[in-house]
Amino acid sequence: LKPEETAVYFCNARLLGSPSGSLDDYWGQGTQVTVS
């Protein structure tokens, strides 16, 4: 891991065939990754 990769990492689930931002595009709350 590199310091520039410090970010909130989100899990995503998208129903096959559904566009991003649709009701079938889901996101988790995110988990913080900090690289010092």
Full PDB file with SEQRES, HELIX, SHEET, SSBOND, CRYST1, ORIGX, SCALE, CONECT and MASTER records, all heavy atoms in Angstrom:
SEQRES   1 A   36  LEU LYS PRO GLU GLU THR ALA VAL TYR PHE CYS ASN ALA          
SEQRES   2 A   36  ARG LEU LEU GLY SER PRO SER GLY SER LEU ASP ASP TYR          
SEQRES   3 A   36  TRP GLY GLN GLY THR GLN VAL THR VAL SER                      
HELIX    1 AA1 PRO A    3  GLU A    5  5                                   3    
SHEET    1 AA1 2 ALA A   7  TYR A   9  0                                        
SHEET    2 AA1 2 THR A  31  VAL A  33 -1                                        
SHEET    1 AA2 2 ASN A  12  ARG A  14  0                                        
SHEET    2 AA2 2 ASP A  25  TRP A  27 -1                                        
CRYST1    1.000    1.000    1.000  90.00  90.00  90.00 P 1           1          
ORIGX1      1.000000  0.000000  0.000000        0.00000                         
ORIGX2      0.000000  1.000000  0.000000        0.00000                         
ORIGX3      0.000000  0.000000  1.000000        0.00000                         
SCALE1      1.000000  0.000000  0.000000        0.00000                         
SCALE2      0.000000  1.000000  0.000000        0.00000                         
SCALE3      0.000000  0.000000  1.000000        0.00000                         
ATOM      1  N   LEU A   1       0.812  -1.207   0.000  1.00  0.00           N  
ATOM      2  CA  LEU A   1       0.000   0.000   0.000  1.00  0.00           C  
ATOM      3  C   LEU A   1       0.850   1.264   0.000  1.00  0.00           C  
ATOM      4  O   LEU A   1       1.929   1.307   0.592  1.00  0.00           O  
ATOM      5  CB  LEU A   1      -0.932   0.003   1.206  1.00  0.00           C  
ATOM      6  CG  LEU A   1      -2.154  -0.908   1.069  1.00  0.00           C  
ATOM      7  CD1 LEU A   1      -2.754  -1.219   2.424  1.00  0.00           C  
ATOM      8  CD2 LEU A   1      -3.194  -0.258   0.158  1.00  0.00           C  
ATOM      9  N   LYS A   2       0.329   2.277  -0.659  1.00  0.00           N  
ATOM     10  CA  LYS A   2       1.000   3.553  -0.797  1.00  0.00           C  
ATOM     11  C   LYS A   2       0.219   4.640  -0.070  1.00  0.00           C  
ATOM     12  O   LYS A   2      -1.003   4.555   0.037  1.00  0.00           O  
ATOM     13  CB  LYS A   2       1.136   3.918  -2.278  1.00  0.00           C  
ATOM     14  CG  LYS A   2       1.830   2.862  -3.123  1.00  0.00           C  
ATOM     15  CD  LYS A   2       1.788   3.231  -4.594  1.00  0.00           C  
ATOM     16  CE  LYS A   2       2.438   2.171  -5.444  1.00  0.00           C  
ATOM     17  NZ  LYS A   2       2.377   2.513  -6.885  1.00  0.00           N  
ATOM     18  N   PRO A   3       0.892   5.678   0.401  1.00  0.00           N  
ATOM     19  CA  PRO A   3       0.187   6.752   1.107  1.00  0.00           C  
ATOM     20  C   PRO A   3      -0.926   7.388   0.284  1.00  0.00           C  
ATOM     21  O   PRO A   3      -1.970   7.765   0.841  1.00  0.00           O  
ATOM     22  CB  PRO A   3       1.297   7.766   1.408  1.00  0.00           C  
ATOM     23  CG  PRO A   3       2.531   6.942   1.494  1.00  0.00           C  
ATOM     24  CD  PRO A   3       2.350   5.863   0.448  1.00  0.00           C  
ATOM     25  N   GLU A   4      -0.727   7.516  -1.008  1.00  0.00           N  
ATOM     26  CA  GLU A   4      -1.739   8.122  -1.857  1.00  0.00           C  
ATOM     27  C   GLU A   4      -2.988   7.272  -2.011  1.00  0.00           C  
ATOM     28  O   GLU A   4      -3.980   7.719  -2.592  1.00  0.00           O  
ATOM     29  CB  GLU A   4      -1.157   8.460  -3.242  1.00  0.00           C  
ATOM     30  CG  GLU A   4      -0.598   7.262  -3.999  1.00  0.00           C  
ATOM     31  CD  GLU A   4       0.900   7.105  -3.816  1.00  0.00           C  
ATOM     32  OE1 GLU A   4       1.392   7.414  -2.709  1.00  0.00           O  
ATOM     33  OE2 GLU A   4       1.575   6.689  -4.767  1.00  0.00           O  
ATOM     34  N   GLU A   5      -2.944   6.066  -1.484  1.00  0.00           N  
ATOM     35  CA  GLU A   5      -4.106   5.194  -1.531  1.00  0.00           C  
ATOM     36  C   GLU A   5      -4.959   5.303  -0.271  1.00  0.00           C  
ATOM     37  O   GLU A   5      -5.909   4.528  -0.095  1.00  0.00           O  
ATOM     38  CB  GLU A   5      -3.668   3.756  -1.784  1.00  0.00           C  
ATOM     39  CG  GLU A   5      -3.074   3.591  -3.178  1.00  0.00           C  
ATOM     40  CD  GLU A   5      -2.507   2.223  -3.461  1.00  0.00           C  
ATOM     41  OE1 GLU A   5      -1.819   1.660  -2.582  1.00  0.00           O  
ATOM     42  OE2 GLU A   5      -2.753   1.710  -4.574  1.00  0.00           O  
ATOM     43  N   THR A   6      -4.614   6.245   0.576  1.00  0.00           N  
ATOM     44  CA  THR A   6      -5.462   6.562   1.710  1.00  0.00           C  
ATOM     45  C   THR A   6      -6.808   7.061   1.200  1.00  0.00           C  
ATOM     46  O   THR A   6      -6.879   8.006   0.427  1.00  0.00           O  
ATOM     47  CB  THR A   6      -4.811   7.627   2.595  1.00  0.00           C  
ATOM     48  OG1 THR A   6      -3.636   7.095   3.202  1.00  0.00           O  
ATOM     49  CG2 THR A   6      -5.767   8.086   3.687  1.00  0.00           C  
ATOM     50  N   ALA A   7      -7.861   6.418   1.624  1.00  0.00           N  
ATOM     51  CA  ALA A   7      -9.190   6.750   1.126  1.00  0.00           C  
ATOM     52  C   ALA A   7     -10.231   5.948   1.883  1.00  0.00           C  
ATOM     53  O   ALA A   7      -9.905   5.039   2.642  1.00  0.00           O  
ATOM     54  CB  ALA A   7      -9.285   6.450  -0.372  1.00  0.00           C  
ATOM     55  N   VAL A   8     -11.469   6.307   1.658  1.00  0.00           N  
ATOM     56  CA  VAL A   8     -12.568   5.472   2.103  1.00  0.00           C  
ATOM     57  C   VAL A   8     -12.852   4.475   0.995  1.00  0.00           C  
ATOM     58  O   VAL A   8     -13.052   4.863  -0.162  1.00  0.00           O  
ATOM     59  CB  VAL A   8     -13.832   6.291   2.422  1.00  0.00           C  
ATOM     60  CG1 VAL A   8     -14.978   5.370   2.813  1.00  0.00           C  
ATOM     61  CG2 VAL A   8     -13.547   7.282   3.537  1.00  0.00           C  
ATOM     62  N   TYR A   9     -12.855   3.221   1.337  1.00  0.00           N  
ATOM     63  CA  TYR A   9     -13.084   2.170   0.367  1.00  0.00           C  
ATOM     64  C   TYR A   9     -14.511   1.665   0.492  1.00  0.00           C  
ATOM     65  O   TYR A   9     -14.971   1.317   1.585  1.00  0.00           O  
ATOM     66  CB  TYR A   9     -12.094   1.030   0.580  1.00  0.00           C  
ATOM     67  CG  TYR A   9     -10.706   1.349   0.077  1.00  0.00           C  
ATOM     68  CD1 TYR A   9      -9.930   2.320   0.705  1.00  0.00           C  
ATOM     69  CD2 TYR A   9     -10.179   0.700  -1.039  1.00  0.00           C  
ATOM     70  CE1 TYR A   9      -8.673   2.643   0.239  1.00  0.00           C  
ATOM     71  CE2 TYR A   9      -8.912   1.011  -1.506  1.00  0.00           C  
ATOM     72  CZ  TYR A   9      -8.164   1.986  -0.862  1.00  0.00           C  
ATOM     73  OH  TYR A   9      -6.903   2.296  -1.331  1.00  0.00           O  
ATOM     74  N   PHE A  10     -15.191   1.639  -0.629  1.00  0.00           N  
ATOM     75  CA  PHE A  10     -16.595   1.272  -0.667  1.00  0.00           C  
ATOM     76  C   PHE A  10     -16.805  -0.031  -1.422  1.00  0.00           C  
ATOM     77  O   PHE A  10     -16.223  -0.247  -2.485  1.00  0.00           O  
ATOM     78  CB  PHE A  10     -17.430   2.356  -1.356  1.00  0.00           C  
ATOM     79  CG  PHE A  10     -17.446   3.674  -0.644  1.00  0.00           C  
ATOM     80  CD1 PHE A  10     -16.524   4.657  -0.946  1.00  0.00           C  
ATOM     81  CD2 PHE A  10     -18.398   3.928   0.330  1.00  0.00           C  
ATOM     82  CE1 PHE A  10     -16.538   5.877  -0.302  1.00  0.00           C  
ATOM     83  CE2 PHE A  10     -18.429   5.149   0.987  1.00  0.00           C  
ATOM     84  CZ  PHE A  10     -17.493   6.123   0.673  1.00  0.00           C  
ATOM     85  N   CYS A  11     -17.642  -0.849  -0.875  1.00  0.00           N  
ATOM     86  CA  CYS A  11     -18.087  -2.047  -1.566  1.00  0.00           C  
ATOM     87  C   CYS A  11     -19.278  -1.691  -2.448  1.00  0.00           C  
ATOM     88  O   CYS A  11     -20.144  -0.901  -2.055  1.00  0.00           O  
ATOM     89  CB  CYS A  11     -18.479  -3.119  -0.551  1.00  0.00           C  
ATOM     90  SG  CYS A  11     -19.043  -4.673  -1.269  1.00  0.00           S  
ATOM     91  N   ASN A  12     -19.308  -2.258  -3.623  1.00  0.00           N  
ATOM     92  CA  ASN A  12     -20.372  -1.966  -4.573  1.00  0.00           C  
ATOM     93  C   ASN A  12     -20.966  -3.247  -5.127  1.00  0.00           C  
ATOM     94  O   ASN A  12     -20.247  -4.212  -5.399  1.00  0.00           O  
ATOM     95  CB  ASN A  12     -19.830  -1.104  -5.717  1.00  0.00           C  
ATOM     96  CG  ASN A  12     -20.830  -0.941  -6.851  1.00  0.00           C  
ATOM     97  OD1 ASN A  12     -20.681  -1.521  -7.921  1.00  0.00           O  
ATOM     98  ND2 ASN A  12     -21.852  -0.123  -6.613  1.00  0.00           N  
ATOM     99  N   ALA A  13     -22.257  -3.238  -5.282  1.00  0.00           N  
ATOM    100  CA  ALA A  13     -22.963  -4.332  -5.933  1.00  0.00           C  
ATOM    101  C   ALA A  13     -23.900  -3.745  -6.968  1.00  0.00           C  
ATOM    102  O   ALA A  13     -24.722  -2.892  -6.654  1.00  0.00           O  
ATOM    103  CB  ALA A  13     -23.746  -5.155  -4.917  1.00  0.00           C  
ATOM    104  N   ARG A  14     -23.750  -4.189  -8.185  1.00  0.00           N  
ATOM    105  CA  ARG A  14     -24.604  -3.703  -9.264  1.00  0.00           C  
ATOM    106  C   ARG A  14     -25.180  -4.885 -10.013  1.00  0.00           C  
ATOM    107  O   ARG A  14     -24.432  -5.749 -10.486  1.00  0.00           O  
ATOM    108  CB  ARG A  14     -23.823  -2.789 -10.209  1.00  0.00           C  
ATOM    109  CG  ARG A  14     -24.659  -2.234 -11.358  1.00  0.00           C  
ATOM    110  CD  ARG A  14     -23.906  -1.144 -12.109  1.00  0.00           C  
ATOM    111  NE  ARG A  14     -22.675  -1.647 -12.709  1.00  0.00           N  
ATOM    112  CZ  ARG A  14     -22.614  -2.270 -13.876  1.00  0.00           C  
ATOM    113  NH1 ARG A  14     -23.719  -2.477 -14.583  1.00  0.00           N  
ATOM    114  NH2 ARG A  14     -21.450  -2.693 -14.342  1.00  0.00           N  
ATOM    115  N   LEU A  15     -26.487  -4.886 -10.117  1.00  0.00           N  
ATOM    116  CA  LEU A  15     -27.150  -5.959 -10.833  1.00  0.00           C  
ATOM    117  C   LEU A  15     -26.692  -5.963 -12.280  1.00  0.00           C  
ATOM    118  O   LEU A  15     -26.661  -4.920 -12.941  1.00  0.00           O  
ATOM    119  CB  LEU A  15     -28.665  -5.789 -10.758  1.00  0.00           C  
ATOM    120  CG  LEU A  15     -29.510  -6.875 -11.413  1.00  0.00           C  
ATOM    121  CD1 LEU A  15     -29.337  -8.197 -10.686  1.00  0.00           C  
ATOM    122  CD2 LEU A  15     -30.980  -6.455 -11.426  1.00  0.00           C  
ATOM    123  N   LEU A  16     -26.316  -7.104 -12.749  1.00  0.00           N  
ATOM    124  CA  LEU A  16     -25.850  -7.233 -14.122  1.00  0.00           C  
ATOM    125  C   LEU A  16     -26.886  -6.671 -15.085  1.00  0.00           C  
ATOM    126  O   LEU A  16     -28.054  -7.041 -15.043  1.00  0.00           O  
ATOM    127  CB  LEU A  16     -25.566  -8.700 -14.439  1.00  0.00           C  
ATOM    128  CG  LEU A  16     -24.912  -9.010 -15.779  1.00  0.00           C  
ATOM    129  CD1 LEU A  16     -23.534  -8.369 -15.855  1.00  0.00           C  
ATOM    130  CD2 LEU A  16     -24.810 -10.515 -15.977  1.00  0.00           C  
ATOM    131  N   GLY A  17     -26.451  -5.744 -15.925  1.00  0.00           N  
ATOM    132  CA  GLY A  17     -27.336  -5.108 -16.872  1.00  0.00           C  
ATOM    133  C   GLY A  17     -27.921  -3.793 -16.408  1.00  0.00           C  
ATOM    134  O   GLY A  17     -28.561  -3.095 -17.202  1.00  0.00           O  
ATOM    135  N   SER A  18     -27.719  -3.447 -15.149  1.00  0.00           N  
ATOM    136  CA  SER A  18     -28.230  -2.190 -14.611  1.00  0.00           C  
ATOM    137  C   SER A  18     -27.156  -1.119 -14.671  1.00  0.00           C  
ATOM    138  O   SER A  18     -25.992  -1.392 -14.378  1.00  0.00           O  
ATOM    139  CB  SER A  18     -28.689  -2.372 -13.167  1.00  0.00           C  
ATOM    140  OG  SER A  18     -29.744  -3.305 -13.087  1.00  0.00           O  
ATOM    141  N   PRO A  19     -27.518   0.104 -15.013  1.00  0.00           N  
ATOM    142  CA  PRO A  19     -26.527   1.183 -15.094  1.00  0.00           C  
ATOM    143  C   PRO A  19     -26.140   1.698 -13.724  1.00  0.00           C  
ATOM    144  O   PRO A  19     -26.869   1.533 -12.744  1.00  0.00           O  
ATOM    145  CB  PRO A  19     -27.260   2.258 -15.899  1.00  0.00           C  
ATOM    146  CG  PRO A  19     -28.696   2.054 -15.555  1.00  0.00           C  
ATOM    147  CD  PRO A  19     -28.859   0.564 -15.427  1.00  0.00           C  
ATOM    148  N   SER A  20     -24.980   2.336 -13.668  1.00  0.00           N  
ATOM    149  CA  SER A  20     -24.542   2.964 -12.437  1.00  0.00           C  
ATOM    150  C   SER A  20     -25.538   4.037 -12.024  1.00  0.00           C  
ATOM    151  O   SER A  20     -26.053   4.774 -12.862  1.00  0.00           O  
ATOM    152  CB  SER A  20     -23.150   3.577 -12.614  1.00  0.00           C  
ATOM    153  OG  SER A  20     -22.192   2.584 -12.911  1.00  0.00           O  
ATOM    154  N   GLY A  21     -25.800   4.126 -10.742  1.00  0.00           N  
ATOM    155  CA  GLY A  21     -26.732   5.112 -10.235  1.00  0.00           C  
ATOM    156  C   GLY A  21     -28.177   4.671 -10.238  1.00  0.00           C  
ATOM    157  O   GLY A  21     -29.052   5.410  -9.782  1.00  0.00           O  
ATOM    158  N   SER A  22     -28.442   3.497 -10.742  1.00  0.00           N  
ATOM    159  CA  SER A  22     -29.800   2.981 -10.753  1.00  0.00           C  
ATOM    160  C   SER A  22     -30.173   2.454  -9.378  1.00  0.00           C  
ATOM    161  O   SER A  22     -29.359   2.398  -8.457  1.00  0.00           O  
ATOM    162  CB  SER A  22     -29.942   1.888 -11.805  1.00  0.00           C  
ATOM    163  OG  SER A  22     -29.279   0.700 -11.392  1.00  0.00           O  
ATOM    164  N   LEU A  23     -31.419   2.045  -9.238  1.00  0.00           N  
ATOM    165  CA  LEU A  23     -31.876   1.476  -7.976  1.00  0.00           C  
ATOM    166  C   LEU A  23     -31.246   0.124  -7.699  1.00  0.00           C  
ATOM    167  O   LEU A  23     -31.314  -0.366  -6.570  1.00  0.00           O  
ATOM    168  CB  LEU A  23     -33.398   1.356  -7.971  1.00  0.00           C  
ATOM    169  CG  LEU A  23     -34.183   2.666  -7.989  1.00  0.00           C  
ATOM    170  CD1 LEU A  23     -35.673   2.393  -8.052  1.00  0.00           C  
ATOM    171  CD2 LEU A  23     -33.841   3.500  -6.768  1.00  0.00           C  
ATOM    172  N   ASP A  24     -30.626  -0.458  -8.705  1.00  0.00           N  
ATOM    173  CA  ASP A  24     -29.952  -1.735  -8.543  1.00  0.00           C  
ATOM    174  C   ASP A  24     -28.441  -1.573  -8.493  1.00  0.00           C  
ATOM    175  O   ASP A  24     -27.691  -2.484  -8.840  1.00  0.00           O  
ATOM    176  CB  ASP A  24     -30.348  -2.687  -9.670  1.00  0.00           C  
ATOM    177  CG  ASP A  24     -31.792  -3.124  -9.568  1.00  0.00           C  
ATOM    178  OD1 ASP A  24     -32.234  -3.446  -8.448  1.00  0.00           O  
ATOM    179  OD2 ASP A  24     -32.484  -3.149 -10.604  1.00  0.00           O  
ATOM    180  N   ASP A  25     -28.000  -0.420  -8.074  1.00  0.00           N  
ATOM    181  CA  ASP A  25     -26.595  -0.106  -7.862  1.00  0.00           C  
ATOM    182  C   ASP A  25     -26.445   0.257  -6.387  1.00  0.00           C  
ATOM    183  O   ASP A  25     -26.883   1.325  -5.956  1.00  0.00           O  
ATOM    184  CB  ASP A  25     -26.161   1.043  -8.765  1.00  0.00           C  
ATOM    185  CG  ASP A  25     -24.666   1.295  -8.721  1.00  0.00           C  
ATOM    186  OD1 ASP A  25     -23.923   0.441  -8.194  1.00  0.00           O  
ATOM    187  OD2 ASP A  25     -24.232   2.359  -9.221  1.00  0.00           O  
ATOM    188  N   TYR A  26     -25.824  -0.636  -5.619  1.00  0.00           N  
ATOM    189  CA  TYR A  26     -25.796  -0.490  -4.172  1.00  0.00           C  
ATOM    190  C   TYR A  26     -24.394  -0.228  -3.647  1.00  0.00           C  
ATOM    191  O   TYR A  26     -23.403  -0.690  -4.218  1.00  0.00           O  
ATOM    192  CB  TYR A  26     -26.355  -1.751  -3.501  1.00  0.00           C  
ATOM    193  CG  TYR A  26     -27.764  -2.083  -3.911  1.00  0.00           C  
ATOM    194  CD1 TYR A  26     -28.013  -2.962  -4.958  1.00  0.00           C  
ATOM    195  CD2 TYR A  26     -28.850  -1.517  -3.250  1.00  0.00           C  
ATOM    196  CE1 TYR A  26     -29.305  -3.271  -5.346  1.00  0.00           C  
ATOM    197  CE2 TYR A  26     -30.143  -1.820  -3.630  1.00  0.00           C  
ATOM    198  CZ  TYR A  26     -30.372  -2.699  -4.675  1.00  0.00           C  
ATOM    199  OH  TYR A  26     -31.658  -2.997  -5.050  1.00  0.00           O  
ATOM    200  N   TRP A  27     -24.341   0.475  -2.526  1.00  0.00           N  
ATOM    201  CA  TRP A  27     -23.075   0.834  -1.918  1.00  0.00           C  
ATOM    202  C   TRP A  27     -23.111   0.584  -0.419  1.00  0.00           C  
ATOM    203  O   TRP A  27     -24.136   0.776   0.244  1.00  0.00           O  
ATOM    204  CB  TRP A  27     -22.752   2.310  -2.158  1.00  0.00           C  
ATOM    205  CG  TRP A  27     -22.575   2.641  -3.604  1.00  0.00           C  
ATOM    206  CD1 TRP A  27     -23.539   3.032  -4.471  1.00  0.00           C  
ATOM    207  CD2 TRP A  27     -21.355   2.599  -4.343  1.00  0.00           C  
ATOM    208  NE1 TRP A  27     -22.999   3.238  -5.721  1.00  0.00           N  
ATOM    209  CE2 TRP A  27     -21.674   2.983  -5.670  1.00  0.00           C  
ATOM    210  CE3 TRP A  27     -20.038   2.280  -4.018  1.00  0.00           C  
ATOM    211  CZ2 TRP A  27     -20.701   3.049  -6.668  1.00  0.00           C  
ATOM    212  CZ3 TRP A  27     -19.070   2.345  -5.010  1.00  0.00           C  
ATOM    213  CH2 TRP A  27     -19.412   2.728  -6.313  1.00  0.00           C  
ATOM    214  N   GLY A  28     -21.976   0.166   0.109  1.00  0.00           N  
ATOM    215  CA  GLY A  28     -21.833   0.055   1.539  1.00  0.00           C  
ATOM    216  C   GLY A  28     -21.494   1.400   2.147  1.00  0.00           C  
ATOM    217  O   GLY A  28     -21.368   2.413   1.452  1.00  0.00           O  
ATOM    218  N   GLN A  29     -21.334   1.426   3.448  1.00  0.00           N  
ATOM    219  CA  GLN A  29     -21.029   2.675   4.139  1.00  0.00           C  
ATOM    220  C   GLN A  29     -19.582   3.101   3.979  1.00  0.00           C  
ATOM    221  O   GLN A  29     -19.248   4.257   4.227  1.00  0.00           O  
ATOM    222  CB  GLN A  29     -21.360   2.550   5.625  1.00  0.00           C  
ATOM    223  CG  GLN A  29     -20.484   1.547   6.366  1.00  0.00           C  
ATOM    224  CD  GLN A  29     -20.774   1.500   7.851  1.00  0.00           C  
ATOM    225  OE1 GLN A  29     -21.600   2.255   8.364  1.00  0.00           O  
ATOM    226  NE2 GLN A  29     -20.082   0.617   8.550  1.00  0.00           N  
ATOM    227  N   GLY A  30     -18.731   2.191   3.600  1.00  0.00           N  
ATOM    228  CA  GLY A  30     -17.327   2.483   3.416  1.00  0.00           C  
ATOM    229  C   GLY A  30     -16.498   2.139   4.636  1.00  0.00           C  
ATOM    230  O   GLY A  30     -16.988   2.134   5.759  1.00  0.00           O  
ATOM    231  N   THR A  31     -15.243   1.859   4.390  1.00  0.00           N  
ATOM    232  CA  THR A  31     -14.297   1.599   5.465  1.00  0.00           C  
ATOM    233  C   THR A  31     -13.025   2.387   5.191  1.00  0.00           C  
ATOM    234  O   THR A  31     -12.533   2.419   4.065  1.00  0.00           O  
ATOM    235  CB  THR A  31     -14.012   0.084   5.600  1.00  0.00           C  
ATOM    236  OG1 THR A  31     -13.147  -0.144   6.716  1.00  0.00           O  
ATOM    237  CG2 THR A  31     -13.375  -0.485   4.342  1.00  0.00           C  
ATOM    238  N   GLN A  32     -12.522   3.035   6.218  1.00  0.00           N  
ATOM    239  CA  GLN A  32     -11.373   3.918   6.058  1.00  0.00           C  
ATOM    240  C   GLN A  32     -10.078   3.132   5.999  1.00  0.00           C  
ATOM    241  O   GLN A  32      -9.806   2.290   6.852  1.00  0.00           O  
ATOM    242  CB  GLN A  32     -11.304   4.921   7.214  1.00  0.00           C  
ATOM    243  CG  GLN A  32     -10.096   5.851   7.173  1.00  0.00           C  
ATOM    244  CD  GLN A  32     -10.162   6.848   6.041  1.00  0.00           C  
ATOM    245  OE1 GLN A  32     -11.216   7.460   5.821  1.00  0.00           O  
ATOM    246  NE2 GLN A  32      -9.054   7.013   5.327  1.00  0.00           N  
ATOM    247  N   VAL A  33      -9.288   3.434   4.998  1.00  0.00           N  
ATOM    248  CA  VAL A  33      -7.945   2.889   4.873  1.00  0.00           C  
ATOM    249  C   VAL A  33      -6.975   4.054   4.913  1.00  0.00           C  
ATOM    250  O   VAL A  33      -7.066   4.971   4.100  1.00  0.00           O  
ATOM    251  CB  VAL A  33      -7.764   2.091   3.569  1.00  0.00           C  
ATOM    252  CG1 VAL A  33      -6.294   1.718   3.365  1.00  0.00           C  
ATOM    253  CG2 VAL A  33      -8.633   0.849   3.586  1.00  0.00           C  
ATOM    254  N   THR A  34      -6.071   4.024   5.858  1.00  0.00           N  
ATOM    255  CA  THR A  34      -5.080   5.070   5.992  1.00  0.00           C  
ATOM    256  C   THR A  34      -3.688   4.459   5.901  1.00  0.00           C  
ATOM    257  O   THR A  34      -3.358   3.541   6.659  1.00  0.00           O  
ATOM    258  CB  THR A  34      -5.221   5.813   7.326  1.00  0.00           C  
ATOM    259  OG1 THR A  34      -6.535   6.368   7.431  1.00  0.00           O  
ATOM    260  CG2 THR A  34      -4.199   6.933   7.427  1.00  0.00           C  
ATOM    261  N   VAL A  35      -2.903   4.966   4.973  1.00  0.00           N  
ATOM    262  CA  VAL A  35      -1.547   4.484   4.772  1.00  0.00           C  
ATOM    263  C   VAL A  35      -0.594   5.597   5.166  1.00  0.00           C  
ATOM    264  O   VAL A  35      -0.538   6.639   4.508  1.00  0.00           O  
ATOM    265  CB  VAL A  35      -1.308   4.061   3.316  1.00  0.00           C  
ATOM    266  CG1 VAL A  35       0.080   3.441   3.171  1.00  0.00           C  
ATOM    267  CG2 VAL A  35      -2.384   3.082   2.864  1.00  0.00           C  
ATOM    268  N   SER A  36       0.134   5.390   6.215  1.00  0.00           N  
ATOM    269  CA  SER A  36       1.051   6.402   6.712  1.00  0.00           C  
ATOM    270  C   SER A  36       2.407   6.281   6.043  1.00  0.00           C  
ATOM    271  O   SER A  36       2.836   5.188   5.654  1.00  0.00           O  
ATOM    272  CB  SER A  36       1.205   6.288   8.227  1.00  0.00           C  
ATOM    273  OG  SER A  36       1.771   5.044   8.590  1.00  0.00           O  
TER     274      SER A  36                                                      
MASTER        0    0    0    1    4    0    0    6  273    1    0    3          
END                                                                             
